[in-house]
């Protein structure tokens, strides 16, 4: 089933438009609430649940589309965009607005207009910078909440295919390559945030009893071999094992039990024991 398309720049430009959209959704909810016929079996119950989920997702998409477009149109936010562009090393000029699709956590694809900036002879034809999306943490056309959810699923599940199936069950229809790009780039941004000199943790271990735990695991690294391929045009490969080093830092209370008020620090690396010990410093 394809995602619903909501155009913020056309249908959601005023509060009245959003109110009308919400009233239509409320009417649908009231129709389900006041339906005279009882639910007779599991199939009918599943149908009602799916209808409710679709309506709620549409409401979320309409509100997010309106809030985003209002933000992009505000003078205060446009000044922040200009300030971000000025901090760059290349001179860029604005070329008005351009439409782009964005997918929030609800899975409903919305369409908004953002300001675009071109570099002077530096960027390839057709390539633009959208500082508004950068300021709001929207990468790969996904809101931060959705990018986190996709990354969390890829880390927790056994494969990208399993993550795709689970996301599809929630109404989020992404291909394997899209899921891979979102997860890998999310992890890259997280690493960049950790390595920034301005990074300051929200909590301190001053006056606390700290526990540092280091352990190793096993992960199979698949590398393609050179030479001829199989009859099905697949490459032969090596499946060497490597040991990722894992680190956890947490605090304990006076009873020696883990302090639930302190958020533990968990990290890992494939660069060996020296790299993981540096994380403790």
C-alpha atoms as a PDB file:
ATOM      1  CA  UNK A   1       0.000   0.000   0.000  1.00  0.00           C
ATOM      2  CA  UNK A   2       1.574   3.347  -0.988  1.00  0.00           C
ATOM      3  CA  UNK A   3       2.061   6.166   1.508  1.00  0.00           C
ATOM      4  CA  UNK A   4      -0.437   9.006   1.716  1.00  0.00           C
ATOM      5  CA  UNK A   5       0.748  12.247   0.120  1.00  0.00           C
ATOM      6  CA  UNK A   6       0.077  15.495   2.007  1.00  0.00           C
ATOM      7  CA  UNK A   7       1.090  18.738   0.292  1.00  0.00           C
ATOM      8  CA  UNK A   8       1.798  21.376   2.905  1.00  0.00           C
ATOM      9  CA  UNK A   9       2.420  24.134   0.395  1.00  0.00           C
ATOM     10  CA  UNK A  10      -0.966  23.762  -1.312  1.00  0.00           C
ATOM     11  CA  UNK A  11      -3.477  22.134   1.047  1.00  0.00           C
ATOM     12  CA  UNK A  12      -2.002  23.068   4.418  1.00  0.00           C
ATOM     13  CA  UNK A  13      -0.964  26.704   4.149  1.00  0.00           C
ATOM     14  CA  UNK A  14      -3.463  28.139   6.651  1.00  0.00           C
ATOM     15  CA  UNK A  15      -4.834  27.192  10.035  1.00  0.00           C
ATOM     16  CA  UNK A  16      -8.289  26.871   8.446  1.00  0.00           C
ATOM     17  CA  UNK A  17      -6.994  24.246   6.004  1.00  0.00           C
ATOM     18  CA  UNK A  18      -5.468  22.184   8.797  1.00  0.00           C
ATOM     19  CA  UNK A  19      -8.613  22.537  10.899  1.00  0.00           C
ATOM     20  CA  UNK A  20     -10.722  21.310   7.981  1.00  0.00           C
ATOM     21  CA  UNK A  21      -8.429  18.325   7.517  1.00  0.00           C
ATOM     22  CA  UNK A  22      -8.626  17.486  11.202  1.00  0.00           C
ATOM     23  CA  UNK A  23     -12.427  17.823  11.220  1.00  0.00           C
ATOM     24  CA  UNK A  24     -12.664  15.312   8.385  1.00  0.00           C
ATOM     25  CA  UNK A  25     -10.515  12.882  10.335  1.00  0.00           C
ATOM     26  CA  UNK A  26     -12.584  13.430  13.482  1.00  0.00           C
ATOM     27  CA  UNK A  27     -15.737  12.603  11.528  1.00  0.00           C
ATOM     28  CA  UNK A  28     -14.177   9.320  10.465  1.00  0.00           C
ATOM     29  CA  UNK A  29     -13.205   8.570  14.065  1.00  0.00           C
ATOM     30  CA  UNK A  30     -16.736   9.333  15.245  1.00  0.00           C
ATOM     31  CA  UNK A  31     -18.108   7.044  12.564  1.00  0.00           C
ATOM     32  CA  UNK A  32     -15.998   4.172  13.893  1.00  0.00           C
ATOM     33  CA  UNK A  33     -16.851   5.034  17.514  1.00  0.00           C
ATOM     34  CA  UNK A  34     -20.611   5.175  16.930  1.00  0.00           C
ATOM     35  CA  UNK A  35     -20.887   2.307  14.463  1.00  0.00           C
ATOM     36  CA  UNK A  36     -24.184   0.482  15.243  1.00  0.00           C
ATOM     37  CA  UNK A  37     -23.007  -2.984  14.194  1.00  0.00           C
ATOM     38  CA  UNK A  38     -20.945  -4.919  16.767  1.00  0.00           C
ATOM     39  CA  UNK A  39     -17.558  -6.421  15.989  1.00  0.00           C
ATOM     40  CA  UNK A  40     -18.275 -10.099  15.346  1.00  0.00           C
ATOM     41  CA  UNK A  41     -14.873 -11.668  14.642  1.00  0.00           C
ATOM     42  CA  UNK A  42     -11.116 -11.185  14.606  1.00  0.00           C
ATOM     43  CA  UNK A  43     -11.070 -10.033  10.971  1.00  0.00           C
ATOM     44  CA  UNK A  44     -13.497  -7.186  11.693  1.00  0.00           C
ATOM     45  CA  UNK A  45     -11.506  -6.137  14.753  1.00  0.00           C
ATOM     46  CA  UNK A  46      -8.284  -6.074  12.735  1.00  0.00           C
ATOM     47  CA  UNK A  47     -10.019  -3.961  10.079  1.00  0.00           C
ATOM     48  CA  UNK A  48     -11.141  -1.424  12.692  1.00  0.00           C
ATOM     49  CA  UNK A  49      -7.657  -1.228  14.188  1.00  0.00           C
ATOM     50  CA  UNK A  50      -6.077  -0.644  10.779  1.00  0.00           C
ATOM     51  CA  UNK A  51      -8.622   2.072   9.949  1.00  0.00           C
ATOM     52  CA  UNK A  52      -7.900   3.836  13.245  1.00  0.00           C
ATOM     53  CA  UNK A  53      -4.158   3.624  12.656  1.00  0.00           C
ATOM     54  CA  UNK A  54      -4.482   5.112   9.163  1.00  0.00           C
ATOM     55  CA  UNK A  55      -6.621   7.999  10.418  1.00  0.00           C
ATOM     56  CA  UNK A  56      -4.235   8.786  13.283  1.00  0.00           C
ATOM     57  CA  UNK A  57      -1.241   8.654  10.935  1.00  0.00           C
ATOM     58  CA  UNK A  58      -2.983  11.037   8.554  1.00  0.00           C
ATOM     59  CA  UNK A  59      -3.695  13.468  11.396  1.00  0.00           C
ATOM     60  CA  UNK A  60      -0.047  13.389  12.474  1.00  0.00           C
ATOM     61  CA  UNK A  61       1.114  13.932   8.906  1.00  0.00           C
ATOM     62  CA  UNK A  62      -1.206  16.913   8.414  1.00  0.00           C
ATOM     63  CA  UNK A  63      -0.063  18.605  11.625  1.00  0.00           C
ATOM     64  CA  UNK A  64       3.643  17.993  10.964  1.00  0.00           C
ATOM     65  CA  UNK A  65       3.311  19.218   7.371  1.00  0.00           C
ATOM     66  CA  UNK A  66       1.681  22.430   8.526  1.00  0.00           C
ATOM     67  CA  UNK A  67       4.199  23.034  11.327  1.00  0.00           C
ATOM     68  CA  UNK A  68       7.159  22.413   9.033  1.00  0.00           C
ATOM     69  CA  UNK A  69       5.866  24.703   6.299  1.00  0.00           C
ATOM     70  CA  UNK A  70       5.078  27.435   8.828  1.00  0.00           C
ATOM     71  CA  UNK A  71       8.627  27.108  10.150  1.00  0.00           C
ATOM     72  CA  UNK A  72      10.207  27.315   6.696  1.00  0.00           C
ATOM     73  CA  UNK A  73       8.131  30.417   5.891  1.00  0.00           C
ATOM     74  CA  UNK A  74       8.958  32.289   9.102  1.00  0.00           C
ATOM     75  CA  UNK A  75      11.420  35.190   8.941  1.00  0.00           C
ATOM     76  CA  UNK A  76      13.116  34.109  12.156  1.00  0.00           C
ATOM     77  CA  UNK A  77      13.910  30.670  10.764  1.00  0.00           C
ATOM     78  CA  UNK A  78      15.097  32.140   7.455  1.00  0.00           C
ATOM     79  CA  UNK A  79      17.626  34.224   9.357  1.00  0.00           C
ATOM     80  CA  UNK A  80      18.923  31.022  10.961  1.00  0.00           C
ATOM     81  CA  UNK A  81      19.255  29.494   7.487  1.00  0.00           C
ATOM     82  CA  UNK A  82      21.291  32.474   6.278  1.00  0.00           C
ATOM     83  CA  UNK A  83      23.532  32.272   9.336  1.00  0.00           C
ATOM     84  CA  UNK A  84      24.165  28.586   8.672  1.00  0.00           C
ATOM     85  CA  UNK A  85      25.086  29.269   5.047  1.00  0.00           C
ATOM     86  CA  UNK A  86      27.462  32.065   6.073  1.00  0.00           C
ATOM     87  CA  UNK A  87      29.336  29.694   8.378  1.00  0.00           C
ATOM     88  CA  UNK A  88      30.205  27.516   5.378  1.00  0.00           C
ATOM     89  CA  UNK A  89      33.471  27.792   3.481  1.00  0.00           C
ATOM     90  CA  UNK A  90      31.804  28.375   0.080  1.00  0.00           C
ATOM     91  CA  UNK A  91      29.717  31.290  -1.054  1.00  0.00           C
ATOM     92  CA  UNK A  92      26.149  30.324  -1.882  1.00  0.00           C
ATOM     93  CA  UNK A  93      23.094  32.192  -3.098  1.00  0.00           C
ATOM     94  CA  UNK A  94      19.413  31.526  -2.550  1.00  0.00           C
ATOM     95  CA  UNK A  95      17.265  30.505  -5.491  1.00  0.00           C
ATOM     96  CA  UNK A  96      13.808  30.586  -3.926  1.00  0.00           C
ATOM     97  CA  UNK A  97      11.834  27.573  -2.822  1.00  0.00           C
ATOM     98  CA  UNK A  98      11.623  23.997  -4.064  1.00  0.00           C
ATOM     99  CA  UNK A  99       9.367  21.077  -3.119  1.00  0.00           C
ATOM    100  CA  UNK A 100      10.670  18.004  -1.337  1.00  0.00           C
ATOM    101  CA  UNK A 101       9.055  14.926   0.186  1.00  0.00           C
ATOM    102  CA  UNK A 102       9.681  14.210   3.871  1.00  0.00           C
ATOM    103  CA  UNK A 103       8.616  11.152   5.857  1.00  0.00           C
ATOM    104  CA  UNK A 104       7.940  11.548   9.610  1.00  0.00           C
ATOM    105  CA  UNK A 105       7.607   8.786  12.190  1.00  0.00           C
ATOM    106  CA  UNK A 106       3.953   8.139  11.325  1.00  0.00           C
ATOM    107  CA  UNK A 107       5.013   6.930   7.860  1.00  0.00           C
ATOM    108  CA  UNK A 108       2.853   9.412   5.936  1.00  0.00           C
ATOM    109  CA  UNK A 109       4.853  11.108   3.195  1.00  0.00           C
ATOM    110  CA  UNK A 110       4.396  14.888   3.302  1.00  0.00           C
ATOM    111  CA  UNK A 111       5.468  17.464   0.749  1.00  0.00           C
ATOM    112  CA  UNK A 112       6.842  20.833   1.811  1.00  0.00           C
ATOM    113  CA  UNK A 113       8.658  23.753   0.208  1.00  0.00           C
ATOM    114  CA  UNK A 114      12.079  24.708   1.534  1.00  0.00           C
ATOM    115  CA  UNK A 115      14.574  27.384   0.558  1.00  0.00           C
ATOM    116  CA  UNK A 116      17.370  26.137  -1.655  1.00  0.00           C
ATOM    117  CA  UNK A 117      20.892  27.498  -2.058  1.00  0.00           C
ATOM    118  CA  UNK A 118      23.269  27.023  -4.976  1.00  0.00           C
ATOM    119  CA  UNK A 119      27.035  27.256  -4.896  1.00  0.00           C
ATOM    120  CA  UNK A 120      28.774  29.485  -7.419  1.00  0.00           C
ATOM    121  CA  UNK A 121      30.245  27.026  -9.880  1.00  0.00           C
ATOM    122  CA  UNK A 122      31.109  24.581  -7.124  1.00  0.00           C
ATOM    123  CA  UNK A 123      28.151  22.240  -7.118  1.00  0.00           C
ATOM    124  CA  UNK A 124      27.035  19.921  -9.860  1.00  0.00           C
ATOM    125  CA  UNK A 125      24.045  20.880 -11.957  1.00  0.00           C
ATOM    126  CA  UNK A 126      20.809  20.178 -10.137  1.00  0.00           C
ATOM    127  CA  UNK A 127      22.446  19.767  -6.725  1.00  0.00           C
ATOM    128  CA  UNK A 128      21.304  22.179  -4.045  1.00  0.00           C
ATOM    129  CA  UNK A 129      21.681  22.748  -0.310  1.00  0.00           C
ATOM    130  CA  UNK A 130      18.609  22.945   1.938  1.00  0.00           C
ATOM    131  CA  UNK A 131      19.808  24.522   5.210  1.00  0.00           C
ATOM    132  CA  UNK A 132      16.326  24.339   6.736  1.00  0.00           C
ATOM    133  CA  UNK A 133      16.402  20.559   6.674  1.00  0.00           C
ATOM    134  CA  UNK A 134      19.879  20.530   8.220  1.00  0.00           C
ATOM    135  CA  UNK A 135      18.772  22.793  11.074  1.00  0.00           C
ATOM    136  CA  UNK A 136      15.841  20.494  11.860  1.00  0.00           C
ATOM    137  CA  UNK A 137      17.913  17.309  11.631  1.00  0.00           C
ATOM    138  CA  UNK A 138      16.066  16.011   8.559  1.00  0.00           C
ATOM    139  CA  UNK A 139      18.428  13.760   6.597  1.00  0.00           C
ATOM    140  CA  UNK A 140      17.671  11.267   3.815  1.00  0.00           C
ATOM    141  CA  UNK A 141      14.200  12.890   3.716  1.00  0.00           C
ATOM    142  CA  UNK A 142      13.411  11.459   7.172  1.00  0.00           C
ATOM    143  CA  UNK A 143      12.621  13.266  10.395  1.00  0.00           C
ATOM    144  CA  UNK A 144      14.974  12.569  13.344  1.00  0.00           C
ATOM    145  CA  UNK A 145      12.431  10.336  15.091  1.00  0.00           C
ATOM    146  CA  UNK A 146      11.987   8.114  12.036  1.00  0.00           C
ATOM    147  CA  UNK A 147      15.735   7.931  11.371  1.00  0.00           C
ATOM    148  CA  UNK A 148      16.269   6.819  14.969  1.00  0.00           C
ATOM    149  CA  UNK A 149      13.534   4.188  14.695  1.00  0.00           C
ATOM    150  CA  UNK A 150      14.975   2.763  11.468  1.00  0.00           C
ATOM    151  CA  UNK A 151      18.496   2.702  12.916  1.00  0.00           C
ATOM    152  CA  UNK A 152      17.286   1.053  16.123  1.00  0.00           C
ATOM    153  CA  UNK A 153      15.547  -1.709  14.179  1.00  0.00           C
ATOM    154  CA  UNK A 154      18.553  -2.422  11.958  1.00  0.00           C
ATOM    155  CA  UNK A 155      20.750  -2.714  15.048  1.00  0.00           C
ATOM    156  CA  UNK A 156      18.325  -4.943  16.963  1.00  0.00           C
ATOM    157  CA  UNK A 157      17.238  -7.287  14.165  1.00  0.00           C
ATOM    158  CA  UNK A 158      19.243  -9.893  12.290  1.00  0.00           C
ATOM    159  CA  UNK A 159      19.074  -8.306   8.828  1.00  0.00           C
ATOM    160  CA  UNK A 160      17.945  -5.314   6.809  1.00  0.00           C
ATOM    161  CA  UNK A 161      15.208  -7.471   5.330  1.00  0.00           C
ATOM    162  CA  UNK A 162      13.732  -8.116   8.773  1.00  0.00           C
ATOM    163  CA  UNK A 163      13.827  -4.385   9.487  1.00  0.00           C
ATOM    164  CA  UNK A 164      12.062  -3.706   6.177  1.00  0.00           C
ATOM    165  CA  UNK A 165       9.280  -6.180   6.971  1.00  0.00           C
ATOM    166  CA  UNK A 166       8.774  -4.789  10.471  1.00  0.00           C
ATOM    167  CA  UNK A 167       8.704  -1.194   9.205  1.00  0.00           C
ATOM    168  CA  UNK A 168       6.239  -2.171   6.495  1.00  0.00           C
ATOM    169  CA  UNK A 169       3.960  -3.540   9.202  1.00  0.00           C
ATOM    170  CA  UNK A 170       3.940  -0.036  10.702  1.00  0.00           C
ATOM    171  CA  UNK A 171       3.064   1.593   7.379  1.00  0.00           C
ATOM    172  CA  UNK A 172       6.612   2.717   6.527  1.00  0.00           C
ATOM    173  CA  UNK A 173       7.537   1.462   3.068  1.00  0.00           C
ATOM    174  CA  UNK A 174      11.299   1.677   2.559  1.00  0.00           C
ATOM    175  CA  UNK A 175      13.522  -0.473   0.375  1.00  0.00           C
ATOM    176  CA  UNK A 176      16.642  -2.231   1.618  1.00  0.00           C
ATOM    177  CA  UNK A 177      19.004   0.382   0.155  1.00  0.00           C
ATOM    178  CA  UNK A 178      17.046   3.224   1.754  1.00  0.00           C
ATOM    179  CA  UNK A 179      17.098   1.515   5.153  1.00  0.00           C
ATOM    180  CA  UNK A 180      20.827   0.856   4.832  1.00  0.00           C
ATOM    181  CA  UNK A 181      21.585   4.475   3.932  1.00  0.00           C
ATOM    182  CA  UNK A 182      19.482   5.839   6.794  1.00  0.00           C
ATOM    183  CA  UNK A 183      21.087   3.530   9.368  1.00  0.00           C
ATOM    184  CA  UNK A 184      24.686   3.978   8.203  1.00  0.00           C
ATOM    185  CA  UNK A 185      24.466   7.755   7.931  1.00  0.00           C
ATOM    186  CA  UNK A 186      22.689   8.020  11.271  1.00  0.00           C
ATOM    187  CA  UNK A 187      25.544   6.064  12.854  1.00  0.00           C
ATOM    188  CA  UNK A 188      28.071   8.317  11.091  1.00  0.00           C
ATOM    189  CA  UNK A 189      26.417  11.450  12.458  1.00  0.00           C
ATOM    190  CA  UNK A 190      26.387   9.915  15.937  1.00  0.00           C
ATOM    191  CA  UNK A 191      30.121   9.243  15.673  1.00  0.00           C
ATOM    192  CA  UNK A 192      30.748  12.804  14.546  1.00  0.00           C
ATOM    193  CA  UNK A 193      28.810  14.076  17.548  1.00  0.00           C
ATOM    194  CA  UNK A 194      30.915  11.968  19.907  1.00  0.00           C
ATOM    195  CA  UNK A 195      34.178  13.210  18.412  1.00  0.00           C
ATOM    196  CA  UNK A 196      33.284  16.926  18.559  1.00  0.00           C
ATOM    197  CA  UNK A 197      35.314  18.942  21.024  1.00  0.00           C
ATOM    198  CA  UNK A 198      32.153  20.749  22.119  1.00  0.00           C
ATOM    199  CA  UNK A 199      30.458  17.530  23.225  1.00  0.00           C
ATOM    200  CA  UNK A 200      29.543  17.781  26.904  1.00  0.00           C
ATOM    201  CA  UNK A 201      27.734  14.920  28.631  1.00  0.00           C
ATOM    202  CA  UNK A 202      24.490  15.754  30.413  1.00  0.00           C
ATOM    203  CA  UNK A 203      25.532  13.852  33.530  1.00  0.00           C
ATOM    204  CA  UNK A 204      28.654  13.710  35.645  1.00  0.00           C
ATOM    205  CA  UNK A 205      30.211  10.821  37.572  1.00  0.00           C
ATOM    206  CA  UNK A 206      31.579  13.125  40.262  1.00  0.00           C
ATOM    207  CA  UNK A 207      30.866  11.628  43.672  1.00  0.00           C
ATOM    208  CA  UNK A 208      29.533   8.379  42.166  1.00  0.00           C
ATOM    209  CA  UNK A 209      30.817   4.812  42.205  1.00  0.00           C
ATOM    210  CA  UNK A 210      31.590   4.006  38.573  1.00  0.00           C
ATOM    211  CA  UNK A 211      31.733   0.574  36.963  1.00  0.00           C
ATOM    212  CA  UNK A 212      33.482   0.065  33.607  1.00  0.00           C
ATOM    213  CA  UNK A 213      32.921  -3.211  31.778  1.00  0.00           C
ATOM    214  CA  UNK A 214      34.743  -4.361  28.650  1.00  0.00           C
ATOM    215  CA  UNK A 215      33.959  -7.489  26.697  1.00  0.00           C
ATOM    216  CA  UNK A 216      34.416  -8.944  23.232  1.00  0.00           C
ATOM    217  CA  UNK A 217      32.060 -10.604  20.806  1.00  0.00           C
ATOM    218  CA  UNK A 218      32.172 -12.287  17.443  1.00  0.00           C
ATOM    219  CA  UNK A 219      30.996 -10.967  14.116  1.00  0.00           C
ATOM    220  CA  UNK A 220      31.380 -12.525  10.689  1.00  0.00           C
ATOM    221  CA  UNK A 221      32.939 -10.273   8.056  1.00  0.00           C
ATOM    222  CA  UNK A 222      31.995 -11.210   4.522  1.00  0.00           C
ATOM    223  CA  UNK A 223      34.456 -10.266   1.755  1.00  0.00           C
ATOM    224  CA  UNK A 224      34.002 -11.106  -1.893  1.00  0.00           C
ATOM    225  CA  UNK A 225      36.703 -13.127  -3.643  1.00  0.00           C
ATOM    226  CA  UNK A 226      38.200 -12.179  -6.948  1.00  0.00           C
ATOM    227  CA  UNK A 227      37.790 -14.368  -9.967  1.00  0.00           C
ATOM    228  CA  UNK A 228      34.928 -16.199 -11.610  1.00  0.00           C
ATOM    229  CA  UNK A 229      31.410 -16.098 -10.235  1.00  0.00           C
ATOM    230  CA  UNK A 230      28.890 -18.845  -9.697  1.00  0.00           C
ATOM    231  CA  UNK A 231      26.296 -19.982 -12.229  1.00  0.00           C
ATOM    232  CA  UNK A 232      23.845 -17.573 -10.618  1.00  0.00           C
ATOM    233  CA  UNK A 233      26.328 -14.693 -11.117  1.00  0.00           C
ATOM    234  CA  UNK A 234      27.206 -14.488  -7.430  1.00  0.00           C
ATOM    235  CA  UNK A 235      30.660 -13.853  -6.053  1.00  0.00           C
ATOM    236  CA  UNK A 236      32.534 -16.344  -3.895  1.00  0.00           C
ATOM    237  CA  UNK A 237      33.442 -14.892  -0.509  1.00  0.00           C
ATOM    238  CA  UNK A 238      35.509 -15.257   2.654  1.00  0.00           C
ATOM    239  CA  UNK A 239      33.745 -15.375   6.023  1.00  0.00           C
ATOM    240  CA  UNK A 240      36.474 -14.468   8.493  1.00  0.00           C
ATOM    241  CA  UNK A 241      35.560 -13.770  12.102  1.00  0.00           C
ATOM    242  CA  UNK A 242      36.492 -10.565  13.933  1.00  0.00           C
ATOM    243  CA  UNK A 243      36.055  -9.583  17.554  1.00  0.00           C
ATOM    244  CA  UNK A 244      34.287  -6.301  18.282  1.00  0.00           C
ATOM    245  CA  UNK A 245      35.238  -4.719  21.598  1.00  0.00           C
ATOM    246  CA  UNK A 246      32.295  -3.526  23.683  1.00  0.00           C
ATOM    247  CA  UNK A 247      32.250  -1.013  26.526  1.00  0.00           C
ATOM    248  CA  UNK A 248      29.675  -0.092  29.149  1.00  0.00           C
ATOM    249  CA  UNK A 249      30.042   2.518  31.891  1.00  0.00           C
ATOM    250  CA  UNK A 250      27.434   2.882  34.623  1.00  0.00           C
ATOM    251  CA  UNK A 251      27.179   3.847  38.275  1.00  0.00           C
ATOM    252  CA  UNK A 252      26.020   1.947  41.354  1.00  0.00           C
ATOM    253  CA  UNK A 253      24.300   3.102  44.534  1.00  0.00           C
ATOM    254  CA  UNK A 254      25.269   2.447  48.151  1.00  0.00           C
ATOM    255  CA  UNK A 255      23.810  -1.081  47.948  1.00  0.00           C
ATOM    256  CA  UNK A 256      25.987  -1.972  44.971  1.00  0.00           C
ATOM    257  CA  UNK A 257      23.021  -2.042  42.594  1.00  0.00           C
ATOM    258  CA  UNK A 258      22.915  -0.196  39.294  1.00  0.00           C
ATOM    259  CA  UNK A 259      21.755   3.393  39.667  1.00  0.00           C
ATOM    260  CA  UNK A 260      18.697   3.737  37.433  1.00  0.00           C
ATOM    261  CA  UNK A 261      18.876   7.531  37.554  1.00  0.00           C
ATOM    262  CA  UNK A 262      22.185   7.502  35.660  1.00  0.00           C
ATOM    263  CA  UNK A 263      22.046   6.845  31.916  1.00  0.00           C
ATOM    264  CA  UNK A 264      24.733   4.235  31.098  1.00  0.00           C
ATOM    265  CA  UNK A 265      27.285   4.883  28.360  1.00  0.00           C
ATOM    266  CA  UNK A 266      27.483   2.020  25.847  1.00  0.00           C
ATOM    267  CA  UNK A 267      29.877   1.886  22.898  1.00  0.00           C
ATOM    268  CA  UNK A 268      31.816  -0.513  20.725  1.00  0.00           C
ATOM    269  CA  UNK A 269      34.551  -0.592  18.110  1.00  0.00           C
ATOM    270  CA  UNK A 270      36.238  -2.875  15.617  1.00  0.00           C
ATOM    271  CA  UNK A 271      39.597  -1.127  16.043  1.00  0.00           C
ATOM    272  CA  UNK A 272      40.947  -3.312  18.830  1.00  0.00           C
ATOM    273  CA  UNK A 273      41.533  -3.014  22.596  1.00  0.00           C
ATOM    274  CA  UNK A 274      43.577   0.207  22.454  1.00  0.00           C
ATOM    275  CA  UNK A 275      40.703   2.079  20.830  1.00  0.00           C
ATOM    276  CA  UNK A 276      38.151   0.885  23.369  1.00  0.00           C
ATOM    277  CA  UNK A 277      40.424   1.815  26.290  1.00  0.00           C
ATOM    278  CA  UNK A 278      40.711   5.359  24.892  1.00  0.00           C
ATOM    279  CA  UNK A 279      36.924   5.642  25.181  1.00  0.00           C
ATOM    280  CA  UNK A 280      37.303   5.283  28.949  1.00  0.00           C
ATOM    281  CA  UNK A 281      39.587   8.293  29.262  1.00  0.00           C
END
